[in-house]
């Protein structure tokens, strides 16, 4: 079970009793969480739609249930997207929307990609 880190552990993660330093990311590095193809597709789709259902995303991204579930969970764990589960009649319905942190991360990612493109062009 997760626990809050003490001040002395900030910048570290605790895994199975050992403390390891978290790698600091260079401002030149892309956000690897978003950069992966399917996760970029999820975040992009949610950036232009207020919310999408699981089936909408699956159809749009042409992926499987399992693949979409795994990648959506990673984005949810990072607080980039919000998952809301409910029922429509007797049918389960899962909807996703982009969280504020996800929108900021996506905008930063886009700015970074635009800078790379601009620098690569003569």
PDB file of N, CA and C in Angstrom:
ATOM      1  N   UNK A   1       0.834  -1.178   0.000  1.00  0.00           N
ATOM      2  CA  UNK A   1       0.000   0.000   0.000  1.00  0.00           C
ATOM      3  C   UNK A   1       0.880   1.244   0.000  1.00  0.00           C
ATOM      4  N   UNK A   2       0.491   2.245  -0.780  1.00  0.00           N
ATOM      5  CA  UNK A   2       1.279   3.467  -0.897  1.00  0.00           C
ATOM      6  C   UNK A   2       1.191   4.273   0.390  1.00  0.00           C
ATOM      7  N   UNK A   3       2.251   5.043   0.659  1.00  0.00           N
ATOM      8  CA  UNK A   3       2.263   5.910   1.817  1.00  0.00           C
ATOM      9  C   UNK A   3       2.907   7.221   1.422  1.00  0.00           C
ATOM     10  N   UNK A   4       2.672   8.244   2.213  1.00  0.00           N
ATOM     11  CA  UNK A   4       3.268   9.550   1.955  1.00  0.00           C
ATOM     12  C   UNK A   4       4.759   9.485   2.263  1.00  0.00           C
ATOM     13  N   UNK A   5       5.546  10.199   1.483  1.00  0.00           N
ATOM     14  CA  UNK A   5       6.984  10.252   1.722  1.00  0.00           C
ATOM     15  C   UNK A   5       7.306  11.301   2.779  1.00  0.00           C
ATOM     16  N   UNK A   6       8.289  10.984   3.613  1.00  0.00           N
ATOM     17  CA  UNK A   6       8.773  11.962   4.577  1.00  0.00           C
ATOM     18  C   UNK A   6       9.671  12.956   3.854  1.00  0.00           C
ATOM     19  N   UNK A   7       9.909  14.116   4.484  1.00  0.00           N
ATOM     20  CA  UNK A   7      10.765  15.126   3.872  1.00  0.00           C
ATOM     21  C   UNK A   7      12.124  14.555   3.501  1.00  0.00           C
ATOM     22  N   UNK A   8      12.649  13.677   4.309  1.00  0.00           N
ATOM     23  CA  UNK A   8      13.966  13.100   4.041  1.00  0.00           C
ATOM     24  C   UNK A   8      13.951  12.177   2.830  1.00  0.00           C
ATOM     25  N   UNK A   9      12.764  11.752   2.398  1.00  0.00           N
ATOM     26  CA  UNK A   9      12.673  10.835   1.269  1.00  0.00           C
ATOM     27  C   UNK A   9      12.262  11.524  -0.028  1.00  0.00           C
ATOM     28  N   UNK A  10      12.007  12.816   0.002  1.00  0.00           N
ATOM     29  CA  UNK A  10      11.604  13.521  -1.204  1.00  0.00           C
ATOM     30  C   UNK A  10      12.711  13.377  -2.233  1.00  0.00           C
ATOM     31  N   UNK A  11      12.314  13.051  -3.474  1.00  0.00           N
ATOM     32  CA  UNK A  11      13.304  12.802  -4.511  1.00  0.00           C
ATOM     33  C   UNK A  11      13.719  11.347  -4.562  1.00  0.00           C
ATOM     34  N   UNK A  12      13.127  10.518  -3.711  1.00  0.00           N
ATOM     35  CA  UNK A  12      13.424   9.098  -3.692  1.00  0.00           C
ATOM     36  C   UNK A  12      12.114   8.332  -3.766  1.00  0.00           C
ATOM     37  N   UNK A  13      12.225   7.068  -4.131  1.00  0.00           N
ATOM     38  CA  UNK A  13      11.060   6.198  -4.053  1.00  0.00           C
ATOM     39  C   UNK A  13      11.432   5.017  -3.185  1.00  0.00           C
ATOM     40  N   UNK A  14      10.473   4.500  -2.461  1.00  0.00           N
ATOM     41  CA  UNK A  14      10.734   3.365  -1.588  1.00  0.00           C
ATOM     42  C   UNK A  14      10.076   2.146  -2.214  1.00  0.00           C
ATOM     43  N   UNK A  15      10.851   1.137  -2.495  1.00  0.00           N
ATOM     44  CA  UNK A  15      10.344  -0.065  -3.121  1.00  0.00           C
ATOM     45  C   UNK A  15      10.925  -1.267  -2.400  1.00  0.00           C
ATOM     46  N   UNK A  16      10.068  -2.061  -1.830  1.00  0.00           N
ATOM     47  CA  UNK A  16      10.466  -3.275  -1.121  1.00  0.00           C
ATOM     48  C   UNK A  16      11.591  -3.011  -0.123  1.00  0.00           C
ATOM     49  N   UNK A  17      11.445  -1.929   0.658  1.00  0.00           N
ATOM     50  CA  UNK A  17      12.370  -1.669   1.746  1.00  0.00           C
ATOM     51  C   UNK A  17      13.646  -0.945   1.379  1.00  0.00           C
ATOM     52  N   UNK A  18      13.876  -0.648   0.102  1.00  0.00           N
ATOM     53  CA  UNK A  18      15.104   0.049  -0.242  1.00  0.00           C
ATOM     54  C   UNK A  18      14.776   1.416  -0.835  1.00  0.00           C
ATOM     55  N   UNK A  19      15.644   2.363  -0.607  1.00  0.00           N
ATOM     56  CA  UNK A  19      15.431   3.716  -1.120  1.00  0.00           C
ATOM     57  C   UNK A  19      16.333   3.885  -2.335  1.00  0.00           C
ATOM     58  N   UNK A  20      15.712   4.322  -3.438  1.00  0.00           N
ATOM     59  CA  UNK A  20      16.470   4.590  -4.660  1.00  0.00           C
ATOM     60  C   UNK A  20      16.202   6.026  -5.076  1.00  0.00           C
ATOM     61  N   UNK A  21      17.189   6.653  -5.648  1.00  0.00           N
ATOM     62  CA  UNK A  21      17.029   8.016  -6.148  1.00  0.00           C
ATOM     63  C   UNK A  21      16.193   7.983  -7.421  1.00  0.00           C
ATOM     64  N   UNK A  22      15.286   8.949  -7.548  1.00  0.00           N
ATOM     65  CA  UNK A  22      14.503   9.111  -8.761  1.00  0.00           C
ATOM     66  C   UNK A  22      15.347   9.901  -9.736  1.00  0.00           C
ATOM     67  N   UNK A  23      15.411   9.419 -10.985  1.00  0.00           N
ATOM     68  CA  UNK A  23      16.179  10.141 -11.990  1.00  0.00           C
ATOM     69  C   UNK A  23      15.526  11.477 -12.267  1.00  0.00           C
ATOM     70  N   UNK A  24      16.316  12.529 -12.239  1.00  0.00           N
ATOM     71  CA  UNK A  24      15.826  13.860 -12.598  1.00  0.00           C
ATOM     72  C   UNK A  24      15.766  13.914 -14.115  1.00  0.00           C
ATOM     73  N   UNK A  25      14.652  14.433 -14.626  1.00  0.00           N
ATOM     74  CA  UNK A  25      14.479  14.511 -16.069  1.00  0.00           C
ATOM     75  C   UNK A  25      14.974  15.848 -16.574  1.00  0.00           C
ATOM     76  N   UNK A  26      15.750  15.822 -17.643  1.00  0.00           N
ATOM     77  CA  UNK A  26      16.231  17.035 -18.281  1.00  0.00           C
ATOM     78  C   UNK A  26      15.061  17.751 -18.950  1.00  0.00           C
ATOM     79  N   UNK A  27      15.072  19.078 -18.961  1.00  0.00           N
ATOM     80  CA  UNK A  27      14.000  19.795 -19.646  1.00  0.00           C
ATOM     81  C   UNK A  27      13.997  19.521 -21.146  1.00  0.00           C
ATOM     82  N   UNK A  28      15.069  18.946 -21.666  1.00  0.00           N
ATOM     83  CA  UNK A  28      15.149  18.617 -23.089  1.00  0.00           C
ATOM     84  C   UNK A  28      14.495  17.281 -23.415  1.00  0.00           C
ATOM     85  N   UNK A  29      14.197  16.483 -22.407  1.00  0.00           N
ATOM     86  CA  UNK A  29      13.599  15.165 -22.627  1.00  0.00           C
ATOM     87  C   UNK A  29      12.090  15.271 -22.788  1.00  0.00           C
ATOM     88  N   UNK A  30      11.560  14.434 -23.665  1.00  0.00           N
ATOM     89  CA  UNK A  30      10.116  14.363 -23.848  1.00  0.00           C
ATOM     90  C   UNK A  30       9.472  13.672 -22.657  1.00  0.00           C
ATOM     91  N   UNK A  31       8.224  13.991 -22.402  1.00  0.00           N
ATOM     92  CA  UNK A  31       7.456  13.307 -21.357  1.00  0.00           C
ATOM     93  C   UNK A  31       7.188  11.891 -21.854  1.00  0.00           C
ATOM     94  N   UNK A  32       7.922  10.926 -21.336  1.00  0.00           N
ATOM     95  CA  UNK A  32       7.823   9.538 -21.807  1.00  0.00           C
ATOM     96  C   UNK A  32       6.433   8.957 -21.554  1.00  0.00           C
ATOM     97  N   UNK A  33       5.745   9.462 -20.561  1.00  0.00           N
ATOM     98  CA  UNK A  33       4.406   8.967 -20.266  1.00  0.00           C
ATOM     99  C   UNK A  33       3.450   9.288 -21.402  1.00  0.00           C
ATOM    100  N   UNK A  34       3.559  10.465 -21.972  1.00  0.00           N
ATOM    101  CA  UNK A  34       2.693  10.864 -23.077  1.00  0.00           C
ATOM    102  C   UNK A  34       3.254  10.404 -24.415  1.00  0.00           C
ATOM    103  N   UNK A  35       4.556  10.351 -24.559  1.00  0.00           N
ATOM    104  CA  UNK A  35       5.196  10.107 -25.851  1.00  0.00           C
ATOM    105  C   UNK A  35       4.860   8.738 -26.443  1.00  0.00           C
ATOM    106  N   UNK A  36       4.548   7.760 -25.642  1.00  0.00           N
ATOM    107  CA  UNK A  36       4.187   6.426 -26.156  1.00  0.00           C
ATOM    108  C   UNK A  36       2.944   6.567 -27.039  1.00  0.00           C
ATOM    109  N   UNK A  37       2.934   5.899 -28.183  1.00  0.00           N
ATOM    110  CA  UNK A  37       1.927   6.087 -29.215  1.00  0.00           C
ATOM    111  C   UNK A  37       0.486   6.032 -28.728  1.00  0.00           C
ATOM    112  N   UNK A  38       0.107   4.982 -28.028  1.00  0.00           N
ATOM    113  CA  UNK A  38      -1.292   4.835 -27.627  1.00  0.00           C
ATOM    114  C   UNK A  38      -1.676   5.863 -26.562  1.00  0.00           C
ATOM    115  N   UNK A  39      -0.778   6.143 -25.627  1.00  0.00           N
ATOM    116  CA  UNK A  39      -1.083   7.145 -24.601  1.00  0.00           C
ATOM    117  C   UNK A  39      -1.181   8.540 -25.220  1.00  0.00           C
ATOM    118  N   UNK A  40      -0.341   8.826 -26.217  1.00  0.00           N
ATOM    119  CA  UNK A  40      -0.442  10.096 -26.931  1.00  0.00           C
ATOM    120  C   UNK A  40      -1.795  10.185 -27.642  1.00  0.00           C
ATOM    121  N   UNK A  41      -2.246   9.086 -28.199  1.00  0.00           N
ATOM    122  CA  UNK A  41      -3.553   9.051 -28.847  1.00  0.00           C
ATOM    123  C   UNK A  41      -4.683   9.318 -27.864  1.00  0.00           C
ATOM    124  N   UNK A  42      -4.609   8.717 -26.688  1.00  0.00           N
ATOM    125  CA  UNK A  42      -5.634   8.918 -25.662  1.00  0.00           C
ATOM    126  C   UNK A  42      -5.684  10.382 -25.245  1.00  0.00           C
ATOM    127  N   UNK A  43      -4.525  10.931 -24.913  1.00  0.00           N
ATOM    128  CA  UNK A  43      -4.464  12.325 -24.444  1.00  0.00           C
ATOM    129  C   UNK A  43      -4.897  13.279 -25.561  1.00  0.00           C
ATOM    130  N   UNK A  44      -4.472  13.029 -26.785  1.00  0.00           N
ATOM    131  CA  UNK A  44      -4.855  13.883 -27.921  1.00  0.00           C
ATOM    132  C   UNK A  44      -6.360  13.860 -28.137  1.00  0.00           C
ATOM    133  N   UNK A  45      -6.941  12.673 -28.111  1.00  0.00           N
ATOM    134  CA  UNK A  45      -8.388  12.545 -28.312  1.00  0.00           C
ATOM    135  C   UNK A  45      -9.160  13.263 -27.210  1.00  0.00           C
ATOM    136  N   UNK A  46      -8.684  13.133 -25.981  1.00  0.00           N
ATOM    137  CA  UNK A  46      -9.373  13.792 -24.866  1.00  0.00           C
ATOM    138  C   UNK A  46      -9.130  15.299 -24.845  1.00  0.00           C
ATOM    139  N   UNK A  47      -8.060  15.758 -25.480  1.00  0.00           N
ATOM    140  CA  UNK A  47      -7.787  17.196 -25.540  1.00  0.00           C
ATOM    141  C   UNK A  47      -8.791  17.913 -26.440  1.00  0.00           C
ATOM    142  N   UNK A  48      -9.354  17.201 -27.413  1.00  0.00           N
ATOM    143  CA  UNK A  48     -10.301  17.835 -28.347  1.00  0.00           C
ATOM    144  C   UNK A  48     -11.743  17.391 -28.114  1.00  0.00           C
ATOM    145  N   UNK A  49     -11.956  16.517 -27.147  1.00  0.00           N
ATOM    146  CA  UNK A  49     -13.294  16.074 -26.759  1.00  0.00           C
ATOM    147  C   UNK A  49     -13.425  16.237 -25.251  1.00  0.00           C
ATOM    148  N   UNK A  50     -14.561  16.736 -24.809  1.00  0.00           N
ATOM    149  CA  UNK A  50     -14.746  16.941 -23.369  1.00  0.00           C
ATOM    150  C   UNK A  50     -14.618  15.630 -22.603  1.00  0.00           C
ATOM    151  N   UNK A  51     -15.193  14.570 -23.157  1.00  0.00           N
ATOM    152  CA  UNK A  51     -15.100  13.227 -22.565  1.00  0.00           C
ATOM    153  C   UNK A  51     -15.368  12.203 -23.644  1.00  0.00           C
ATOM    154  N   UNK A  52     -14.793  11.023 -23.466  1.00  0.00           N
ATOM    155  CA  UNK A  52     -15.005   9.911 -24.390  1.00  0.00           C
ATOM    156  C   UNK A  52     -15.206   8.638 -23.588  1.00  0.00           C
ATOM    157  N   UNK A  53     -16.029   7.749 -24.107  1.00  0.00           N
ATOM    158  CA  UNK A  53     -16.219   6.460 -23.446  1.00  0.00           C
ATOM    159  C   UNK A  53     -15.056   5.538 -23.810  1.00  0.00           C
ATOM    160  N   UNK A  54     -14.954   4.472 -23.051  1.00  0.00           N
ATOM    161  CA  UNK A  54     -13.943   3.449 -23.314  1.00  0.00           C
ATOM    162  C   UNK A  54     -14.102   2.941 -24.746  1.00  0.00           C
ATOM    163  N   UNK A  55     -15.340   2.642 -25.146  1.00  0.00           N
ATOM    164  CA  UNK A  55     -15.579   2.106 -26.492  1.00  0.00           C
ATOM    165  C   UNK A  55     -15.272   3.127 -27.576  1.00  0.00           C
ATOM    166  N   UNK A  56     -15.544   4.416 -27.318  1.00  0.00           N
ATOM    167  CA  UNK A  56     -15.179   5.470 -28.273  1.00  0.00           C
ATOM    168  C   UNK A  56     -13.668   5.471 -28.494  1.00  0.00           C
ATOM    169  N   UNK A  57     -12.915   5.451 -27.397  1.00  0.00           N
ATOM    170  CA  UNK A  57     -11.449   5.453 -27.497  1.00  0.00           C
ATOM    171  C   UNK A  57     -10.938   4.196 -28.179  1.00  0.00           C
ATOM    172  N   UNK A  58     -11.505   3.062 -27.838  1.00  0.00           N
ATOM    173  CA  UNK A  58     -11.076   1.788 -28.436  1.00  0.00           C
ATOM    174  C   UNK A  58     -11.277   1.816 -29.947  1.00  0.00           C
ATOM    175  N   UNK A  59     -12.426   2.300 -30.377  1.00  0.00           N
ATOM    176  CA  UNK A  59     -12.741   2.377 -31.808  1.00  0.00           C
ATOM    177  C   UNK A  59     -11.836   3.411 -32.502  1.00  0.00           C
ATOM    178  N   UNK A  60     -11.696   4.577 -31.890  1.00  0.00           N
ATOM    179  CA  UNK A  60     -10.900   5.653 -32.463  1.00  0.00           C
ATOM    180  C   UNK A  60      -9.425   5.262 -32.622  1.00  0.00           C
ATOM    181  N   UNK A  61      -8.889   4.602 -31.601  1.00  0.00           N
ATOM    182  CA  UNK A  61      -7.468   4.248 -31.592  1.00  0.00           C
ATOM    183  C   UNK A  61      -7.190   2.866 -32.170  1.00  0.00           C
ATOM    184  N   UNK A  62      -8.260   2.155 -32.535  1.00  0.00           N
ATOM    185  CA  UNK A  62      -8.153   0.820 -33.133  1.00  0.00           C
ATOM    186  C   UNK A  62      -7.244  -0.095 -32.307  1.00  0.00           C
ATOM    187  N   UNK A  63      -7.636  -0.278 -31.055  1.00  0.00           N
ATOM    188  CA  UNK A  63      -6.839  -1.094 -30.147  1.00  0.00           C
ATOM    189  C   UNK A  63      -7.741  -2.087 -29.424  1.00  0.00           C
ATOM    190  N   UNK A  64      -7.142  -2.923 -28.619  1.00  0.00           N
ATOM    191  CA  UNK A  64      -7.884  -3.935 -27.878  1.00  0.00           C
ATOM    192  C   UNK A  64      -8.281  -3.409 -26.501  1.00  0.00           C
ATOM    193  N   UNK A  65      -9.234  -4.095 -25.881  1.00  0.00           N
ATOM    194  CA  UNK A  65      -9.662  -3.738 -24.521  1.00  0.00           C
ATOM    195  C   UNK A  65      -8.477  -3.720 -23.559  1.00  0.00           C
ATOM    196  N   UNK A  66      -7.693  -4.776 -23.586  1.00  0.00           N
ATOM    197  CA  UNK A  66      -6.583  -4.909 -22.646  1.00  0.00           C
ATOM    198  C   UNK A  66      -5.531  -3.839 -22.831  1.00  0.00           C
ATOM    199  N   UNK A  67      -5.175  -3.564 -24.083  1.00  0.00           N
ATOM    200  CA  UNK A  67      -4.160  -2.559 -24.369  1.00  0.00           C
ATOM    201  C   UNK A  67      -4.638  -1.177 -23.928  1.00  0.00           C
ATOM    202  N   UNK A  68      -5.868  -0.840 -24.245  1.00  0.00           N
ATOM    203  CA  UNK A  68      -6.415   0.456 -23.846  1.00  0.00           C
ATOM    204  C   UNK A  68      -6.487   0.571 -22.325  1.00  0.00           C
ATOM    205  N   UNK A  69      -6.917  -0.489 -21.667  1.00  0.00           N
ATOM    206  CA  UNK A  69      -7.018  -0.479 -20.199  1.00  0.00           C
ATOM    207  C   UNK A  69      -5.679  -0.196 -19.535  1.00  0.00           C
ATOM    208  N   UNK A  70      -4.641  -0.869 -20.000  1.00  0.00           N
ATOM    209  CA  UNK A  70      -3.310  -0.720 -19.398  1.00  0.00           C
ATOM    210  C   UNK A  70      -2.802   0.706 -19.568  1.00  0.00           C
ATOM    211  N   UNK A  71      -2.914   1.245 -20.772  1.00  0.00           N
ATOM    212  CA  UNK A  71      -2.387   2.580 -21.027  1.00  0.00           C
ATOM    213  C   UNK A  71      -3.231   3.668 -20.365  1.00  0.00           C
ATOM    214  N   UNK A  72      -4.533   3.489 -20.345  1.00  0.00           N
ATOM    215  CA  UNK A  72      -5.403   4.451 -19.663  1.00  0.00           C
ATOM    216  C   UNK A  72      -5.096   4.460 -18.164  1.00  0.00           C
ATOM    217  N   UNK A  73      -4.832   3.292 -17.601  1.00  0.00           N
ATOM    218  CA  UNK A  73      -4.518   3.211 -16.174  1.00  0.00           C
ATOM    219  C   UNK A  73      -3.234   3.963 -15.848  1.00  0.00           C
ATOM    220  N   UNK A  74      -2.225   3.861 -16.715  1.00  0.00           N
ATOM    221  CA  UNK A  74      -0.970   4.593 -16.497  1.00  0.00           C
ATOM    222  C   UNK A  74      -1.224   6.103 -16.482  1.00  0.00           C
ATOM    223  N   UNK A  75      -2.050   6.562 -17.403  1.00  0.00           N
ATOM    224  CA  UNK A  75      -2.376   7.989 -17.446  1.00  0.00           C
ATOM    225  C   UNK A  75      -3.213   8.402 -16.243  1.00  0.00           C
ATOM    226  N   UNK A  76      -4.095   7.524 -15.822  1.00  0.00           N
ATOM    227  CA  UNK A  76      -4.926   7.787 -14.644  1.00  0.00           C
ATOM    228  C   UNK A  76      -4.062   7.843 -13.382  1.00  0.00           C
ATOM    229  N   UNK A  77      -3.124   6.910 -13.256  1.00  0.00           N
ATOM    230  CA  UNK A  77      -2.227   6.890 -12.094  1.00  0.00           C
ATOM    231  C   UNK A  77      -1.378   8.157 -12.015  1.00  0.00           C
ATOM    232  N   UNK A  78      -1.068   8.738 -13.173  1.00  0.00           N
ATOM    233  CA  UNK A  78      -0.276   9.971 -13.225  1.00  0.00           C
ATOM    234  C   UNK A  78      -1.154  11.215 -13.070  1.00  0.00           C
ATOM    235  N   UNK A  79      -2.456  11.002 -12.908  1.00  0.00           N
ATOM    236  CA  UNK A  79      -3.432  12.092 -12.771  1.00  0.00           C
ATOM    237  C   UNK A  79      -3.545  12.931 -14.035  1.00  0.00           C
ATOM    238  N   UNK A  80      -3.251  12.323 -15.200  1.00  0.00           N
ATOM    239  CA  UNK A  80      -3.395  13.007 -16.482  1.00  0.00           C
ATOM    240  C   UNK A  80      -4.823  12.881 -17.005  1.00  0.00           C
ATOM    241  N   UNK A  81      -5.492  11.794 -16.680  1.00  0.00           N
ATOM    242  CA  UNK A  81      -6.881  11.613 -17.082  1.00  0.00           C
ATOM    243  C   UNK A  81      -7.708  11.184 -15.879  1.00  0.00           C
ATOM    244  N   UNK A  82      -9.021  11.378 -15.998  1.00  0.00           N
ATOM    245  CA  UNK A  82      -9.951  10.977 -14.945  1.00  0.00           C
ATOM    246  C   UNK A  82     -10.877   9.930 -15.535  1.00  0.00           C
ATOM    247  N   UNK A  83     -11.063   8.844 -14.821  1.00  0.00           N
ATOM    248  CA  UNK A  83     -11.944   7.752 -15.235  1.00  0.00           C
ATOM    249  C   UNK A  83     -13.189   7.785 -14.358  1.00  0.00           C
ATOM    250  N   UNK A  84     -14.351   7.795 -15.010  1.00  0.00           N
ATOM    251  CA  UNK A  84     -15.621   7.778 -14.282  1.00  0.00           C
ATOM    252  C   UNK A  84     -16.416   6.569 -14.746  1.00  0.00           C
ATOM    253  N   UNK A  85     -16.784   5.715 -13.797  1.00  0.00           N
ATOM    254  CA  UNK A  85     -17.521   4.495 -14.117  1.00  0.00           C
ATOM    255  C   UNK A  85     -18.951   4.609 -13.618  1.00  0.00           C
ATOM    256  N   UNK A  86     -19.868   4.119 -14.414  1.00  0.00           N
ATOM    257  CA  UNK A  86     -21.267   4.151 -14.044  1.00  0.00           C
ATOM    258  C   UNK A  86     -22.043   3.163 -14.895  1.00  0.00           C
ATOM    259  N   UNK A  87     -23.337   3.347 -14.940  1.00  0.00           N
ATOM    260  CA  UNK A  87     -24.196   2.469 -15.727  1.00  0.00           C
ATOM    261  C   UNK A  87     -25.098   3.300 -16.607  1.00  0.00           C
ATOM    262  N   UNK A  88     -25.358   2.796 -17.784  1.00  0.00           N
ATOM    263  CA  UNK A  88     -26.356   3.355 -18.683  1.00  0.00           C
ATOM    264  C   UNK A  88     -27.393   2.256 -18.840  1.00  0.00           C
ATOM    265  N   UNK A  89     -28.475   2.398 -18.106  1.00  0.00           N
ATOM    266  CA  UNK A  89     -29.416   1.282 -18.002  1.00  0.00           C
ATOM    267  C   UNK A  89     -28.743   0.197 -17.189  1.00  0.00           C
ATOM    268  N   UNK A  90     -28.648  -0.978 -17.761  1.00  0.00           N
ATOM    269  CA  UNK A  90     -27.949  -2.083 -17.086  1.00  0.00           C
ATOM    270  C   UNK A  90     -26.536  -2.300 -17.603  1.00  0.00           C
ATOM    271  N   UNK A  91     -26.135  -1.487 -18.553  1.00  0.00           N
ATOM    272  CA  UNK A  91     -24.818  -1.649 -19.169  1.00  0.00           C
ATOM    273  C   UNK A  91     -23.781  -0.769 -18.467  1.00  0.00           C
ATOM    274  N   UNK A  92     -22.632  -1.350 -18.125  1.00  0.00           N
ATOM    275  CA  UNK A  92     -21.569  -0.536 -17.526  1.00  0.00           C
ATOM    276  C   UNK A  92     -21.049   0.474 -18.546  1.00  0.00           C
ATOM    277  N   UNK A  93     -20.681   1.642 -18.047  1.00  0.00           N
ATOM    278  CA  UNK A  93     -20.177   2.709 -18.928  1.00  0.00           C
ATOM    279  C   UNK A  93     -18.961   3.344 -18.264  1.00  0.00           C
ATOM    280  N   UNK A  94     -17.842   3.361 -18.976  1.00  0.00           N
ATOM    281  CA  UNK A  94     -16.616   3.983 -18.490  1.00  0.00           C
ATOM    282  C   UNK A  94     -16.326   5.184 -19.369  1.00  0.00           C
ATOM    283  N   UNK A  95     -16.188   6.339 -18.740  1.00  0.00           N
ATOM    284  CA  UNK A  95     -15.876   7.565 -19.466  1.00  0.00           C
ATOM    285  C   UNK A  95     -14.560   8.143 -18.963  1.00  0.00           C
ATOM    286  N   UNK A  96     -13.847   8.761 -19.875  1.00  0.00           N
ATOM    287  CA  UNK A  96     -12.580   9.409 -19.544  1.00  0.00           C
ATOM    288  C   UNK A  96     -12.656  10.873 -19.927  1.00  0.00           C
ATOM    289  N   UNK A  97     -11.947  11.687 -19.156  1.00  0.00           N
ATOM    290  CA  UNK A  97     -11.767  13.094 -19.495  1.00  0.00           C
ATOM    291  C   UNK A  97     -10.348  13.488 -19.120  1.00  0.00           C
ATOM    292  N   UNK A  98      -9.868  14.524 -19.765  1.00  0.00           N
ATOM    293  CA  UNK A  98      -8.517  15.002 -19.509  1.00  0.00           C
ATOM    294  C   UNK A  98      -8.514  15.849 -18.236  1.00  0.00           C
ATOM    295  N   UNK A  99      -7.629  15.537 -17.318  1.00  0.00           N
ATOM    296  CA  UNK A  99      -7.490  16.307 -16.073  1.00  0.00           C
ATOM    297  C   UNK A  99      -6.641  17.548 -16.349  1.00  0.00           C
ATOM    298  N   UNK A 100      -6.690  18.512 -15.454  1.00  0.00           N
ATOM    299  CA  UNK A 100      -5.906  19.748 -15.615  1.00  0.00           C
ATOM    300  C   UNK A 100      -4.417  19.442 -15.753  1.00  0.00           C
ATOM    301  N   UNK A 101      -3.913  18.522 -14.951  1.00  0.00           N
ATOM    302  CA  UNK A 101      -2.494  18.142 -15.038  1.00  0.00           C
ATOM    303  C   UNK A 101      -2.179  17.522 -16.388  1.00  0.00           C
ATOM    304  N   UNK A 102      -3.106  16.746 -16.917  1.00  0.00           N
ATOM    305  CA  UNK A 102      -2.929  16.137 -18.231  1.00  0.00           C
ATOM    306  C   UNK A 102      -2.911  17.174 -19.334  1.00  0.00           C
ATOM    307  N   UNK A 103      -3.777  18.179 -19.224  1.00  0.00           N
ATOM    308  CA  UNK A 103      -3.807  19.254 -20.229  1.00  0.00           C
ATOM    309  C   UNK A 103      -2.495  20.037 -20.201  1.00  0.00           C
ATOM    310  N   UNK A 104      -2.006  20.345 -18.992  1.00  0.00           N
ATOM    311  CA  UNK A 104      -0.724  21.061 -18.883  1.00  0.00           C
ATOM    312  C   UNK A 104       0.413  20.228 -19.457  1.00  0.00           C
ATOM    313  N   UNK A 105       0.446  18.949 -19.135  1.00  0.00           N
ATOM    314  CA  UNK A 105       1.502  18.072 -19.641  1.00  0.00           C
ATOM    315  C   UNK A 105       1.433  17.958 -21.165  1.00  0.00           C
ATOM    316  N   UNK A 106       0.225  17.872 -21.712  1.00  0.00           N
ATOM    317  CA  UNK A 106       0.050  17.764 -23.158  1.00  0.00           C
ATOM    318  C   UNK A 106       0.494  19.054 -23.849  1.00  0.00           C
ATOM    319  N   UNK A 107       0.123  20.194 -23.298  1.00  0.00           N
ATOM    320  CA  UNK A 107       0.541  21.474 -23.884  1.00  0.00           C
ATOM    321  C   UNK A 107       2.054  21.628 -23.837  1.00  0.00           C
ATOM    322  N   UNK A 108       2.665  21.203 -22.743  1.00  0.00           N
ATOM    323  CA  UNK A 108       4.127  21.245 -22.625  1.00  0.00           C
ATOM    324  C   UNK A 108       4.767  20.302 -23.648  1.00  0.00           C
ATOM    325  N   UNK A 109       4.185  19.127 -23.803  1.00  0.00           N
ATOM    326  CA  UNK A 109       4.677  18.150 -24.782  1.00  0.00           C
ATOM    327  C   UNK A 109       4.601  18.733 -26.192  1.00  0.00           C
ATOM    328  N   UNK A 110       3.465  19.350 -26.539  1.00  0.00           N
ATOM    329  CA  UNK A 110       3.297  19.937 -27.872  1.00  0.00           C
ATOM    330  C   UNK A 110       4.312  21.060 -28.111  1.00  0.00           C
ATOM    331  N   UNK A 111       4.509  21.912 -27.109  1.00  0.00           N
ATOM    332  CA  UNK A 111       5.489  22.996 -27.237  1.00  0.00           C
ATOM    333  C   UNK A 111       6.886  22.424 -27.458  1.00  0.00           C
ATOM    334  N   UNK A 112       7.206  21.369 -26.750  1.00  0.00           N
ATOM    335  CA  UNK A 112       8.511  20.729 -26.888  1.00  0.00           C
ATOM    336  C   UNK A 112       8.670  20.152 -28.294  1.00  0.00           C
ATOM    337  N   UNK A 113       7.639  19.475 -28.801  1.00  0.00           N
ATOM    338  CA  UNK A 113       7.695  18.895 -30.151  1.00  0.00           C
ATOM    339  C   UNK A 113       7.823  20.008 -31.196  1.00  0.00           C
ATOM    340  N   UNK A 114       7.088  21.113 -31.013  1.00  0.00           N
ATOM    341  CA  UNK A 114       7.187  22.239 -31.944  1.00  0.00           C
ATOM    342  C   UNK A 114       8.595  22.818 -31.947  1.00  0.00           C
ATOM    343  N   UNK A 115       9.234  22.909 -30.786  1.00  0.00           N
ATOM    344  CA  UNK A 115      10.606  23.419 -30.691  1.00  0.00           C
ATOM    345  C   UNK A 115      11.575  22.484 -31.411  1.00  0.00           C
ATOM    346  N   UNK A 116      11.372  21.186 -31.275  1.00  0.00           N
ATOM    347  CA  UNK A 116      12.227  20.212 -31.962  1.00  0.00           C
ATOM    348  C   UNK A 116      12.075  20.358 -33.476  1.00  0.00           C
ATOM    349  N   UNK A 117      10.843  20.473 -33.941  1.00  0.00           N
ATOM    350  CA  UNK A 117      10.580  20.619 -35.366  1.00  0.00           C
ATOM    351  C   UNK A 117      11.202  21.907 -35.894  1.00  0.00           C
ATOM    352  N   UNK A 118      11.031  22.989 -35.167  1.00  0.00           N
ATOM    353  CA  UNK A 118      11.580  24.280 -35.577  1.00  0.00           C
ATOM    354  C   UNK A 118      13.109  24.209 -35.646  1.00  0.00           C
ATOM    355  N   UNK A 119      13.731  23.579 -34.662  1.00  0.00           N
ATOM    356  CA  UNK A 119      15.196  23.475 -34.630  1.00  0.00           C
ATOM    357  C   UNK A 119      15.717  22.565 -35.755  1.00  0.00           C
ATOM    358  N   UNK A 120      14.922  21.603 -36.170  1.00  0.00           N
ATOM    359  CA  UNK A 120      15.363  20.656 -37.206  1.00  0.00           C
ATOM    360  C   UNK A 120      15.239  21.220 -38.615  1.00  0.00           C
ATOM    361  N   UNK A 121      14.398  22.227 -38.778  1.00  0.00           N
ATOM    362  CA  UNK A 121      14.209  22.828 -40.099  1.00  0.00           C
ATOM    363  C   UNK A 121      15.244  23.922 -40.319  1.00  0.00           C
ATOM    364  N   UNK A 122      15.813  23.961 -41.538  1.00  0.00           N
ATOM    365  CA  UNK A 122      16.821  25.017 -41.828  1.00  0.00           C
ATOM    366  C   UNK A 122      16.214  26.397 -41.936  1.00  0.00           C
TER     367      UNK A 122
END
